[in-house]
Amino acid sequence: MDDFKRMAIFATVVQQGSMSAAARTLGMTPSAVSQQVRQLERDGGVTLMHRTTRQLTLTDAGQRFYAECARMVEAAANARAELQAELQEPSGELRISSTVGFARHIAPALGPLLASYPKLRLQLLVDDAQIDLTSARIDLAIRYGNLPDSQWVARRLGAMHWWPCASPQWLEKHGTPETLQALLTASWLGLPASLEFQGLQVRVPVARNPSGAFEEHVLPIEPRIASNNQLALLQMCESGLGIALLGSMDVQEALSAGRLVRLCPHWEFGRSGSLPIWAVTPQRDMQPAKVRLALEHLAQYLKGVPGVFHGRGDGTF
């Protein structure tokens, strides 16, 4: 660390043109500055500059050494600027990528942030496909499920559980499925290449077992109706076209309004029983204030959203 300090002092001497000018800039005495430069020369075994009463002249070695020291000082200044960005008022454009299903939560989550900082602008890109975040210049993306390895940083915001649901009119016509066989023979809605196509995984509590043990089953279900959009599946499920495995966060409004009924509430569905919700941001040592505050607002908002679960007991965080 002393070497870095001496290198910064040496660069300041060259930039200021004299020991005394550098001393005033650094808040040191001229003799202390001179001692630090001499120590650099002793450690390196070379002369870095020739000193006269009127001027300083760099040697060839000193000129090359100064170029590297100047780059180090510039990098340190840039690092300090990044740190200051944390304390600055959020401004400029905040580019967020969101799935179609999550997009409706952006306004209530970030509305207070935008209201508090009028210099901040929001650009929301809505797409269920995972767009390239680098080429699209995304500051923050909402993603679900298991994430591939990348240079990006992911913060877990919570998780949804998988709930099978059907409309009251479908249940009135077909009855409420309460067994694995009834689920297997029901008319299903699903996503292409989803859990249903790979086999619906179900964990059923073992009767008369006080330890809370589960039996695991895989049902070879093939949806009669498929869509690559969860919102479309939700709407078709509400219309009475069949059973759909939906996210607990997405169905709360329909359940409260009576448009859907949750089936088999004591069973667990899906590989892990939950679907993690992530906020993905670029790999940076310092997050801009706009990104940091957006993350805080999203996390706080989701803590109050029904159907979003938090804590190790729910398979999140």
C-alpha atoms as a PDB file:
ATOM      1  CA  MET A   1       0.000   0.000   0.000  1.00  0.00           C
ATOM      2  CA  ASP A   2       2.937   2.361   0.687  1.00  0.00           C
ATOM      3  CA  ASP A   3       4.136   1.792  -2.871  1.00  0.00           C
ATOM      4  CA  PHE A   4       0.741   2.858  -4.244  1.00  0.00           C
ATOM      5  CA  LYS A   5       0.840   5.992  -2.095  1.00  0.00           C
ATOM      6  CA  ARG A   6       4.343   6.875  -3.300  1.00  0.00           C
ATOM      7  CA  MET A   7       3.338   6.264  -6.917  1.00  0.00           C
ATOM      8  CA  ALA A   8       0.392   8.656  -6.516  1.00  0.00           C
ATOM      9  CA  ILE A   9       2.696  11.270  -4.927  1.00  0.00           C
ATOM     10  CA  PHE A  10       5.214  10.870  -7.768  1.00  0.00           C
ATOM     11  CA  ALA A  11       2.476  11.322 -10.381  1.00  0.00           C
ATOM     12  CA  THR A  12       1.265  14.470  -8.596  1.00  0.00           C
ATOM     13  CA  VAL A  13       4.818  15.899  -8.542  1.00  0.00           C
ATOM     14  CA  VAL A  14       5.128  15.427 -12.296  1.00  0.00           C
ATOM     15  CA  GLN A  15       1.667  16.876 -12.961  1.00  0.00           C
ATOM     16  CA  GLN A  16       2.249  19.914 -10.701  1.00  0.00           C
ATOM     17  CA  GLY A  17       5.788  20.519 -11.934  1.00  0.00           C
ATOM     18  CA  SER A  18       7.477  20.872  -8.539  1.00  0.00           C
ATOM     19  CA  MET A  19       7.759  19.340  -5.092  1.00  0.00           C
ATOM     20  CA  SER A  20       6.287  22.414  -3.401  1.00  0.00           C
ATOM     21  CA  ALA A  21       3.257  22.565  -5.731  1.00  0.00           C
ATOM     22  CA  ALA A  22       2.625  18.859  -5.216  1.00  0.00           C
ATOM     23  CA  ALA A  23       2.943  19.338  -1.453  1.00  0.00           C
ATOM     24  CA  ARG A  24       0.281  22.055  -1.489  1.00  0.00           C
ATOM     25  CA  THR A  25      -2.051  19.839  -3.552  1.00  0.00           C
ATOM     26  CA  LEU A  26      -1.540  16.828  -1.285  1.00  0.00           C
ATOM     27  CA  GLY A  27      -1.535  18.693   2.045  1.00  0.00           C
ATOM     28  CA  MET A  28       2.032  17.585   2.798  1.00  0.00           C
ATOM     29  CA  THR A  29       5.340  19.320   3.408  1.00  0.00           C
ATOM     30  CA  PRO A  30       7.801  19.582   0.487  1.00  0.00           C
ATOM     31  CA  SER A  31      10.378  17.559   2.447  1.00  0.00           C
ATOM     32  CA  ALA A  32       7.869  14.732   3.004  1.00  0.00           C
ATOM     33  CA  VAL A  33       7.060  14.672  -0.710  1.00  0.00           C
ATOM     34  CA  SER A  34      10.758  14.583  -1.568  1.00  0.00           C
ATOM     35  CA  GLN A  35      11.364  11.713   0.875  1.00  0.00           C
ATOM     36  CA  GLN A  36       8.580   9.634  -0.720  1.00  0.00           C
ATOM     37  CA  VAL A  37      10.014  10.125  -4.215  1.00  0.00           C
ATOM     38  CA  ARG A  38      13.543   9.245  -3.022  1.00  0.00           C
ATOM     39  CA  GLN A  39      12.192   6.073  -1.429  1.00  0.00           C
ATOM     40  CA  LEU A  40      10.648   5.088  -4.764  1.00  0.00           C
ATOM     41  CA  GLU A  41      14.040   5.545  -6.437  1.00  0.00           C
ATOM     42  CA  ARG A  42      15.817   3.532  -3.750  1.00  0.00           C
ATOM     43  CA  ASP A  43      13.298   0.701  -3.976  1.00  0.00           C
ATOM     44  CA  GLY A  44      13.486   0.606  -7.763  1.00  0.00           C
ATOM     45  CA  GLY A  45      17.224   1.147  -7.991  1.00  0.00           C
ATOM     46  CA  VAL A  46      16.822   3.833 -10.690  1.00  0.00           C
ATOM     47  CA  THR A  47      16.748   7.614 -10.908  1.00  0.00           C
ATOM     48  CA  LEU A  48      13.299   8.873 -11.832  1.00  0.00           C
ATOM     49  CA  MET A  49      13.968  12.600 -12.120  1.00  0.00           C
ATOM     50  CA  HIS A  50      16.739  15.157 -12.111  1.00  0.00           C
ATOM     51  CA  ARG A  51      16.161  18.005  -9.664  1.00  0.00           C
ATOM     52  CA  THR A  52      17.430  21.570  -9.885  1.00  0.00           C
ATOM     53  CA  THR A  53      16.389  24.677  -7.984  1.00  0.00           C
ATOM     54  CA  ARG A  54      14.195  25.714 -10.906  1.00  0.00           C
ATOM     55  CA  GLN A  55      12.820  22.575 -12.512  1.00  0.00           C
ATOM     56  CA  LEU A  56      12.354  18.810 -12.484  1.00  0.00           C
ATOM     57  CA  THR A  57      13.290  16.703 -15.484  1.00  0.00           C
ATOM     58  CA  LEU A  58      12.178  13.086 -15.889  1.00  0.00           C
ATOM     59  CA  THR A  59      14.660  10.440 -16.907  1.00  0.00           C
ATOM     60  CA  ASP A  60      13.678   7.883 -19.550  1.00  0.00           C
ATOM     61  CA  ALA A  61      12.822   5.399 -16.789  1.00  0.00           C
ATOM     62  CA  GLY A  62      10.918   8.123 -14.936  1.00  0.00           C
ATOM     63  CA  GLN A  63       8.868   8.970 -18.016  1.00  0.00           C
ATOM     64  CA  ARG A  64       7.799   5.353 -18.510  1.00  0.00           C
ATOM     65  CA  PHE A  65       7.118   4.917 -14.798  1.00  0.00           C
ATOM     66  CA  TYR A  66       5.058   8.117 -14.694  1.00  0.00           C
ATOM     67  CA  ALA A  67       2.799   6.892 -17.514  1.00  0.00           C
ATOM     68  CA  GLU A  68       1.821   3.840 -15.464  1.00  0.00           C
ATOM     69  CA  CYS A  69       1.464   5.848 -12.245  1.00  0.00           C
ATOM     70  CA  ALA A  70      -0.811   8.333 -14.028  1.00  0.00           C
ATOM     71  CA  ARG A  71      -3.032   5.473 -15.217  1.00  0.00           C
ATOM     72  CA  MET A  72      -3.240   4.154 -11.666  1.00  0.00           C
ATOM     73  CA  VAL A  73      -4.262   7.590 -10.350  1.00  0.00           C
ATOM     74  CA  GLU A  74      -6.887   7.928 -13.097  1.00  0.00           C
ATOM     75  CA  ALA A  75      -8.312   4.486 -12.242  1.00  0.00           C
ATOM     76  CA  ALA A  76      -8.525   5.505  -8.580  1.00  0.00           C
ATOM     77  CA  ALA A  77     -10.330   8.713  -9.553  1.00  0.00           C
ATOM     78  CA  ASN A  78     -12.799   6.708 -11.647  1.00  0.00           C
ATOM     79  CA  ALA A  79     -13.383   4.378  -8.713  1.00  0.00           C
ATOM     80  CA  ARG A  80     -14.130   7.339  -6.463  1.00  0.00           C
ATOM     81  CA  ALA A  81     -16.541   8.698  -9.065  1.00  0.00           C
ATOM     82  CA  GLU A  82     -18.358   5.360  -9.130  1.00  0.00           C
ATOM     83  CA  LEU A  83     -18.634   5.477  -5.362  1.00  0.00           C
ATOM     84  CA  GLN A  84     -20.051   8.986  -5.487  1.00  0.00           C
ATOM     85  CA  ALA A  85     -22.675   7.788  -7.966  1.00  0.00           C
ATOM     86  CA  GLU A  86     -24.178   5.810  -5.090  1.00  0.00           C
ATOM     87  CA  LEU A  87     -24.980   9.029  -3.290  1.00  0.00           C
ATOM     88  CA  GLN A  88     -26.221  11.012  -6.244  1.00  0.00           C
ATOM     89  CA  GLU A  89     -29.851  11.619  -7.135  1.00  0.00           C
ATOM     90  CA  PRO A  90     -31.206   8.987  -9.567  1.00  0.00           C
ATOM     91  CA  SER A  91     -31.488  10.450 -13.057  1.00  0.00           C
ATOM     92  CA  GLY A  92     -31.367   9.462 -16.700  1.00  0.00           C
ATOM     93  CA  GLU A  93     -32.992   6.425 -18.262  1.00  0.00           C
ATOM     94  CA  LEU A  94     -33.666   3.244 -16.311  1.00  0.00           C
ATOM     95  CA  ARG A  95     -34.085   0.342 -18.757  1.00  0.00           C
ATOM     96  CA  ILE A  96     -36.014  -2.625 -17.347  1.00  0.00           C
ATOM     97  CA  SER A  97     -36.859  -5.923 -19.030  1.00  0.00           C
ATOM     98  CA  SER A  98     -39.899  -7.798 -17.738  1.00  0.00           C
ATOM     99  CA  THR A  99     -42.074 -10.749 -18.647  1.00  0.00           C
ATOM    100  CA  VAL A 100     -45.632 -10.058 -19.748  1.00  0.00           C
ATOM    101  CA  GLY A 101     -47.046 -11.430 -16.502  1.00  0.00           C
ATOM    102  CA  PHE A 102     -44.826  -9.304 -14.264  1.00  0.00           C
ATOM    103  CA  ALA A 103     -45.191  -6.065 -16.245  1.00  0.00           C
ATOM    104  CA  ARG A 104     -48.378  -5.092 -14.403  1.00  0.00           C
ATOM    105  CA  HIS A 105     -46.386  -4.900 -11.153  1.00  0.00           C
ATOM    106  CA  ILE A 106     -43.849  -2.370 -12.457  1.00  0.00           C
ATOM    107  CA  ALA A 107     -46.140   0.661 -12.038  1.00  0.00           C
ATOM    108  CA  PRO A 108     -47.132   0.056  -8.391  1.00  0.00           C
ATOM    109  CA  ALA A 109     -43.587  -1.006  -7.493  1.00  0.00           C
ATOM    110  CA  LEU A 110     -41.673   1.848  -9.119  1.00  0.00           C
ATOM    111  CA  GLY A 111     -44.347   4.539  -9.224  1.00  0.00           C
ATOM    112  CA  PRO A 112     -43.215   6.062  -5.894  1.00  0.00           C
ATOM    113  CA  LEU A 113     -39.588   6.084  -7.091  1.00  0.00           C
ATOM    114  CA  LEU A 114     -40.482   7.923 -10.309  1.00  0.00           C
ATOM    115  CA  ALA A 115     -42.642  10.367  -8.387  1.00  0.00           C
ATOM    116  CA  SER A 116     -39.795  11.181  -5.994  1.00  0.00           C
ATOM    117  CA  TYR A 117     -37.157  11.715  -8.705  1.00  0.00           C
ATOM    118  CA  PRO A 118     -38.499  13.692 -11.686  1.00  0.00           C
ATOM    119  CA  LYS A 119     -35.154  13.469 -13.530  1.00  0.00           C
ATOM    120  CA  LEU A 120     -35.488   9.677 -13.719  1.00  0.00           C
ATOM    121  CA  ARG A 121     -37.033   8.159 -16.870  1.00  0.00           C
ATOM    122  CA  LEU A 122     -38.277   4.583 -17.286  1.00  0.00           C
ATOM    123  CA  GLN A 123     -38.000   2.443 -20.413  1.00  0.00           C
ATOM    124  CA  LEU A 124     -39.874  -0.856 -19.964  1.00  0.00           C
ATOM    125  CA  LEU A 125     -39.288  -3.698 -22.428  1.00  0.00           C
ATOM    126  CA  VAL A 126     -41.932  -6.419 -22.093  1.00  0.00           C
ATOM    127  CA  ASP A 127     -41.147  -9.821 -23.588  1.00  0.00           C
ATOM    128  CA  ASP A 128     -41.508 -13.405 -22.341  1.00  0.00           C
ATOM    129  CA  ALA A 129     -38.441 -14.343 -24.396  1.00  0.00           C
ATOM    130  CA  GLN A 130     -35.083 -13.823 -22.673  1.00  0.00           C
ATOM    131  CA  ILE A 131     -33.661 -10.957 -24.695  1.00  0.00           C
ATOM    132  CA  ASP A 132     -29.937 -10.251 -24.713  1.00  0.00           C
ATOM    133  CA  LEU A 133     -29.417  -7.831 -21.860  1.00  0.00           C
ATOM    134  CA  THR A 134     -26.105  -6.464 -23.104  1.00  0.00           C
ATOM    135  CA  SER A 135     -27.201  -5.549 -26.627  1.00  0.00           C
ATOM    136  CA  ALA A 136     -30.492  -4.116 -25.302  1.00  0.00           C
ATOM    137  CA  ARG A 137     -28.602  -2.060 -22.668  1.00  0.00           C
ATOM    138  CA  ILE A 138     -30.800  -3.404 -19.865  1.00  0.00           C
ATOM    139  CA  ASP A 139     -30.126  -2.048 -16.375  1.00  0.00           C
ATOM    140  CA  LEU A 140     -32.400  -4.521 -14.576  1.00  0.00           C
ATOM    141  CA  ALA A 141     -34.295  -7.601 -15.753  1.00  0.00           C
ATOM    142  CA  ILE A 142     -36.971  -9.689 -14.042  1.00  0.00           C
ATOM    143  CA  ARG A 143     -36.373 -13.404 -14.584  1.00  0.00           C
ATOM    144  CA  TYR A 144     -37.936 -16.607 -13.240  1.00  0.00           C
ATOM    145  CA  GLY A 145     -36.669 -20.086 -12.451  1.00  0.00           C
ATOM    146  CA  ASN A 146     -33.124 -21.425 -12.640  1.00  0.00           C
ATOM    147  CA  LEU A 147     -30.691 -18.955 -14.202  1.00  0.00           C
ATOM    148  CA  PRO A 148     -27.796 -19.910 -16.481  1.00  0.00           C
ATOM    149  CA  ASP A 149     -24.267 -18.966 -15.493  1.00  0.00           C
ATOM    150  CA  SER A 150     -23.321 -15.483 -16.682  1.00  0.00           C
ATOM    151  CA  GLN A 151     -21.411 -12.362 -15.715  1.00  0.00           C
ATOM    152  CA  TRP A 152     -24.637 -10.799 -14.475  1.00  0.00           C
ATOM    153  CA  VAL A 153     -25.643 -10.541 -10.811  1.00  0.00           C
ATOM    154  CA  ALA A 154     -28.974 -11.989  -9.634  1.00  0.00           C
ATOM    155  CA  ARG A 155     -30.855 -10.924  -6.522  1.00  0.00           C
ATOM    156  CA  ARG A 156     -33.661 -13.189  -5.356  1.00  0.00           C
ATOM    157  CA  LEU A 157     -36.856 -11.235  -4.704  1.00  0.00           C
ATOM    158  CA  GLY A 158     -39.071 -14.125  -3.624  1.00  0.00           C
ATOM    159  CA  ALA A 159     -40.798 -17.085  -5.221  1.00  0.00           C
ATOM    160  CA  MET A 160     -44.159 -18.243  -6.525  1.00  0.00           C
ATOM    161  CA  HIS A 161     -45.671 -21.643  -5.846  1.00  0.00           C
ATOM    162  CA  TRP A 162     -47.266 -23.719  -8.572  1.00  0.00           C
ATOM    163  CA  TRP A 163     -51.015 -24.048  -8.088  1.00  0.00           C
ATOM    164  CA  PRO A 164     -53.373 -26.069 -10.308  1.00  0.00           C
ATOM    165  CA  CYS A 165     -56.526 -24.054 -10.933  1.00  0.00           C
ATOM    166  CA  ALA A 166     -59.810 -24.365 -12.798  1.00  0.00           C
ATOM    167  CA  SER A 167     -62.867 -22.177 -13.302  1.00  0.00           C
ATOM    168  CA  PRO A 168     -66.107 -22.814 -11.351  1.00  0.00           C
ATOM    169  CA  GLN A 169     -67.946 -23.615 -14.584  1.00  0.00           C
ATOM    170  CA  TRP A 170     -65.359 -26.243 -15.561  1.00  0.00           C
ATOM    171  CA  LEU A 171     -65.591 -27.830 -12.114  1.00  0.00           C
ATOM    172  CA  GLU A 172     -69.376 -27.821 -12.250  1.00  0.00           C
ATOM    173  CA  LYS A 173     -69.270 -29.705 -15.532  1.00  0.00           C
ATOM    174  CA  HIS A 174     -66.378 -32.109 -14.839  1.00  0.00           C
ATOM    175  CA  GLY A 175     -66.227 -32.306 -11.057  1.00  0.00           C
ATOM    176  CA  THR A 176     -63.359 -31.464  -8.713  1.00  0.00           C
ATOM    177  CA  PRO A 177     -60.343 -33.757  -9.213  1.00  0.00           C
ATOM    178  CA  GLU A 178     -59.134 -35.022  -5.852  1.00  0.00           C
ATOM    179  CA  THR A 179     -57.018 -38.023  -6.870  1.00  0.00           C
ATOM    180  CA  LEU A 180     -53.958 -38.513  -9.040  1.00  0.00           C
ATOM    181  CA  GLN A 181     -56.027 -40.477 -11.523  1.00  0.00           C
ATOM    182  CA  ALA A 182     -58.549 -37.654 -11.781  1.00  0.00           C
ATOM    183  CA  LEU A 183     -55.747 -35.200 -12.514  1.00  0.00           C
ATOM    184  CA  LEU A 184     -54.245 -37.536 -15.092  1.00  0.00           C
ATOM    185  CA  THR A 185     -57.473 -37.811 -17.074  1.00  0.00           C
ATOM    186  CA  ALA A 186     -58.455 -34.129 -16.832  1.00  0.00           C
ATOM    187  CA  SER A 187     -58.199 -31.652 -19.695  1.00  0.00           C
ATOM    188  CA  TRP A 188     -55.062 -29.569 -19.175  1.00  0.00           C
ATOM    189  CA  LEU A 189     -53.688 -26.275 -20.439  1.00  0.00           C
ATOM    190  CA  GLY A 190     -49.923 -25.833 -20.514  1.00  0.00           C
ATOM    191  CA  LEU A 191     -46.781 -24.209 -21.841  1.00  0.00           C
ATOM    192  CA  PRO A 192     -44.765 -25.857 -24.623  1.00  0.00           C
ATOM    193  CA  ALA A 193     -41.709 -27.606 -23.167  1.00  0.00           C
ATOM    194  CA  SER A 194     -43.131 -26.992 -19.694  1.00  0.00           C
ATOM    195  CA  LEU A 195     -43.408 -29.216 -16.630  1.00  0.00           C
ATOM    196  CA  GLU A 196     -46.581 -30.776 -18.013  1.00  0.00           C
ATOM    197  CA  PHE A 197     -44.858 -32.076 -21.149  1.00  0.00           C
ATOM    198  CA  GLN A 198     -41.978 -33.480 -19.100  1.00  0.00           C
ATOM    199  CA  GLY A 199     -44.370 -35.097 -16.686  1.00  0.00           C
ATOM    200  CA  LEU A 200     -46.268 -33.259 -13.975  1.00  0.00           C
ATOM    201  CA  GLN A 201     -44.428 -33.722 -10.679  1.00  0.00           C
ATOM    202  CA  VAL A 202     -46.705 -34.013  -7.637  1.00  0.00           C
ATOM    203  CA  ARG A 203     -45.866 -34.457  -3.950  1.00  0.00           C
ATOM    204  CA  VAL A 204     -48.803 -35.831  -1.967  1.00  0.00           C
ATOM    205  CA  PRO A 205     -48.826 -35.901   1.869  1.00  0.00           C
ATOM    206  CA  VAL A 206     -48.735 -39.417   3.259  1.00  0.00           C
ATOM    207  CA  ALA A 207     -51.921 -40.174   5.178  1.00  0.00           C
ATOM    208  CA  ARG A 208     -51.549 -40.847   8.920  1.00  0.00           C
ATOM    209  CA  ASN A 209     -47.890 -39.789   8.937  1.00  0.00           C
ATOM    210  CA  PRO A 210     -47.317 -37.136  11.622  1.00  0.00           C
ATOM    211  CA  SER A 211     -43.788 -36.341  10.338  1.00  0.00           C
ATOM    212  CA  GLY A 212     -45.213 -34.626   7.261  1.00  0.00           C
ATOM    213  CA  ALA A 213     -43.759 -37.098   4.750  1.00  0.00           C
ATOM    214  CA  PHE A 214     -44.675 -36.871   1.073  1.00  0.00           C
ATOM    215  CA  GLU A 215     -45.085 -39.378  -1.727  1.00  0.00           C
ATOM    216  CA  GLU A 216     -43.642 -38.177  -5.028  1.00  0.00           C
ATOM    217  CA  HIS A 217     -45.355 -38.944  -8.328  1.00  0.00           C
ATOM    218  CA  VAL A 218     -44.810 -37.997 -11.963  1.00  0.00           C
ATOM    219  CA  LEU A 219     -47.937 -37.830 -14.109  1.00  0.00           C
ATOM    220  CA  PRO A 220     -47.438 -38.163 -17.901  1.00  0.00           C
ATOM    221  CA  ILE A 221     -49.796 -35.314 -18.728  1.00  0.00           C
ATOM    222  CA  GLU A 222     -49.967 -33.773 -22.204  1.00  0.00           C
ATOM    223  CA  PRO A 223     -51.914 -30.504 -22.389  1.00  0.00           C
ATOM    224  CA  ARG A 224     -54.819 -30.409 -24.790  1.00  0.00           C
ATOM    225  CA  ILE A 225     -54.259 -26.651 -25.260  1.00  0.00           C
ATOM    226  CA  ALA A 226     -50.767 -25.150 -25.219  1.00  0.00           C
ATOM    227  CA  SER A 227     -49.534 -21.559 -25.282  1.00  0.00           C
ATOM    228  CA  ASN A 228     -46.133 -19.954 -24.821  1.00  0.00           C
ATOM    229  CA  ASN A 229     -47.656 -17.232 -22.630  1.00  0.00           C
ATOM    230  CA  GLN A 230     -48.735 -17.681 -19.007  1.00  0.00           C
ATOM    231  CA  LEU A 231     -51.186 -14.782 -19.195  1.00  0.00           C
ATOM    232  CA  ALA A 232     -52.951 -16.472 -22.113  1.00  0.00           C
ATOM    233  CA  LEU A 233     -53.144 -19.727 -20.140  1.00  0.00           C
ATOM    234  CA  LEU A 234     -54.622 -17.848 -17.199  1.00  0.00           C
ATOM    235  CA  GLN A 235     -57.294 -16.293 -19.401  1.00  0.00           C
ATOM    236  CA  MET A 236     -58.168 -19.622 -21.042  1.00  0.00           C
ATOM    237  CA  CYS A 237     -58.354 -21.249 -17.640  1.00  0.00           C
ATOM    238  CA  GLU A 238     -60.783 -18.558 -16.461  1.00  0.00           C
ATOM    239  CA  SER A 239     -62.837 -19.198 -19.603  1.00  0.00           C
ATOM    240  CA  GLY A 240     -63.385 -22.809 -18.551  1.00  0.00           C
ATOM    241  CA  LEU A 241     -61.152 -24.554 -21.098  1.00  0.00           C
ATOM    242  CA  GLY A 242     -59.413 -26.806 -18.570  1.00  0.00           C
ATOM    243  CA  ILE A 243     -56.982 -27.036 -15.653  1.00  0.00           C
ATOM    244  CA  ALA A 244     -53.753 -25.012 -15.689  1.00  0.00           C
ATOM    245  CA  LEU A 245     -50.716 -25.026 -13.453  1.00  0.00           C
ATOM    246  CA  LEU A 246     -50.319 -21.331 -12.630  1.00  0.00           C
ATOM    247  CA  GLY A 247     -48.087 -19.185 -10.459  1.00  0.00           C
ATOM    248  CA  SER A 248     -49.518 -18.259  -7.057  1.00  0.00           C
ATOM    249  CA  MET A 249     -48.638 -14.608  -7.636  1.00  0.00           C
ATOM    250  CA  ASP A 250     -50.531 -14.519 -10.942  1.00  0.00           C
ATOM    251  CA  VAL A 251     -53.798 -16.079  -9.787  1.00  0.00           C
ATOM    252  CA  GLN A 252     -54.514 -14.186  -6.565  1.00  0.00           C
ATOM    253  CA  GLU A 253     -56.913 -11.708  -8.147  1.00  0.00           C
ATOM    254  CA  ALA A 254     -58.828 -14.428 -10.015  1.00  0.00           C
ATOM    255  CA  LEU A 255     -59.065 -16.576  -6.872  1.00  0.00           C
ATOM    256  CA  SER A 256     -60.299 -13.662  -4.745  1.00  0.00           C
ATOM    257  CA  ALA A 257     -62.885 -12.732  -7.378  1.00  0.00           C
ATOM    258  CA  GLY A 258     -64.112 -16.324  -7.676  1.00  0.00           C
ATOM    259  CA  ARG A 259     -63.112 -16.670 -11.324  1.00  0.00           C
ATOM    260  CA  LEU A 260     -60.773 -19.549 -10.452  1.00  0.00           C
ATOM    261  CA  VAL A 261     -60.597 -22.260  -7.796  1.00  0.00           C
ATOM    262  CA  ARG A 262     -57.331 -23.670  -6.468  1.00  0.00           C
ATOM    263  CA  LEU A 263     -57.235 -27.484  -6.629  1.00  0.00           C
ATOM    264  CA  CYS A 264     -55.510 -29.907  -4.260  1.00  0.00           C
ATOM    265  CA  PRO A 265     -54.235 -27.140  -1.942  1.00  0.00           C
ATOM    266  CA  HIS A 266     -52.301 -29.525   0.316  1.00  0.00           C
ATOM    267  CA  TRP A 267     -50.273 -31.002  -2.540  1.00  0.00           C
ATOM    268  CA  GLU A 268     -47.032 -29.600  -3.981  1.00  0.00           C
ATOM    269  CA  PHE A 269     -46.563 -29.281  -7.731  1.00  0.00           C
ATOM    270  CA  GLY A 270     -43.526 -28.819  -9.928  1.00  0.00           C
ATOM    271  CA  ARG A 271     -39.922 -29.900  -9.506  1.00  0.00           C
ATOM    272  CA  SER A 272     -39.229 -27.843  -6.394  1.00  0.00           C
ATOM    273  CA  GLY A 273     -42.721 -26.630  -5.597  1.00  0.00           C
ATOM    274  CA  SER A 274     -41.725 -23.033  -6.264  1.00  0.00           C
ATOM    275  CA  LEU A 275     -40.546 -20.706  -9.011  1.00  0.00           C
ATOM    276  CA  PRO A 276     -37.872 -18.190  -7.916  1.00  0.00           C
ATOM    277  CA  ILE A 277     -38.250 -14.549  -8.939  1.00  0.00           C
ATOM    278  CA  TRP A 278     -34.968 -12.793  -9.738  1.00  0.00           C
ATOM    279  CA  ALA A 279     -33.821  -9.254 -10.402  1.00  0.00           C
ATOM    280  CA  VAL A 280     -30.800  -9.502 -12.706  1.00  0.00           C
ATOM    281  CA  THR A 281     -28.341  -6.613 -13.048  1.00  0.00           C
ATOM    282  CA  PRO A 282     -24.931  -6.111 -14.692  1.00  0.00           C
ATOM    283  CA  GLN A 283     -21.802  -7.214 -12.852  1.00  0.00           C
ATOM    284  CA  ARG A 284     -20.605  -3.964 -11.301  1.00  0.00           C
ATOM    285  CA  ASP A 285     -18.651  -3.006  -8.210  1.00  0.00           C
ATOM    286  CA  MET A 286     -20.939  -0.013  -7.743  1.00  0.00           C
ATOM    287  CA  GLN A 287     -24.580   0.093  -8.791  1.00  0.00           C
ATOM    288  CA  PRO A 288     -25.916   3.445 -10.048  1.00  0.00           C
ATOM    289  CA  ALA A 289     -28.385   5.007  -7.654  1.00  0.00           C
ATOM    290  CA  LYS A 290     -31.258   4.456 -10.110  1.00  0.00           C
ATOM    291  CA  VAL A 291     -30.630   0.688 -10.187  1.00  0.00           C
ATOM    292  CA  ARG A 292     -30.010   0.359  -6.465  1.00  0.00           C
ATOM    293  CA  LEU A 293     -33.205   2.210  -5.564  1.00  0.00           C
ATOM    294  CA  ALA A 294     -35.239   0.309  -8.165  1.00  0.00           C
ATOM    295  CA  LEU A 295     -34.075  -2.964  -6.591  1.00  0.00           C
ATOM    296  CA  GLU A 296     -35.051  -1.741  -3.139  1.00  0.00           C
ATOM    297  CA  HIS A 297     -38.508  -0.654  -4.311  1.00  0.00           C
ATOM    298  CA  LEU A 298     -39.144  -3.945  -6.133  1.00  0.00           C
ATOM    299  CA  ALA A 299     -38.068  -6.015  -3.130  1.00  0.00           C
ATOM    300  CA  GLN A 300     -40.195  -3.981  -0.732  1.00  0.00           C
ATOM    301  CA  TYR A 301     -43.221  -4.101  -3.039  1.00  0.00           C
ATOM    302  CA  LEU A 302     -43.067  -7.877  -3.477  1.00  0.00           C
ATOM    303  CA  LYS A 303     -43.058  -8.367   0.292  1.00  0.00           C
ATOM    304  CA  GLY A 304     -46.673  -7.203   0.272  1.00  0.00           C
ATOM    305  CA  VAL A 305     -47.897  -9.047  -2.821  1.00  0.00           C
ATOM    306  CA  PRO A 306     -50.122 -12.075  -2.075  1.00  0.00           C
ATOM    307  CA  GLY A 307     -48.793 -15.269  -3.584  1.00  0.00           C
ATOM    308  CA  VAL A 308     -45.122 -14.270  -3.276  1.00  0.00           C
ATOM    309  CA  PHE A 309     -43.297 -16.312  -0.638  1.00  0.00           C
ATOM    310  CA  HIS A 310     -40.165 -15.451   1.311  1.00  0.00           C
ATOM    311  CA  GLY A 311     -37.885 -17.354   3.638  1.00  0.00           C
ATOM    312  CA  ARG A 312     -36.112 -20.703   3.627  1.00  0.00           C
ATOM    313  CA  GLY A 313     -39.239 -22.532   4.649  1.00  0.00           C
ATOM    314  CA  ASP A 314     -40.820 -21.613   1.342  1.00  0.00           C
ATOM    315  CA  GLY A 315     -37.825 -22.535  -0.776  1.00  0.00           C
ATOM    316  CA  THR A 316     -36.668 -18.944  -1.292  1.00  0.00           C
ATOM    317  CA  PHE A 317     -33.620 -16.947  -0.331  1.00  0.00           C
END
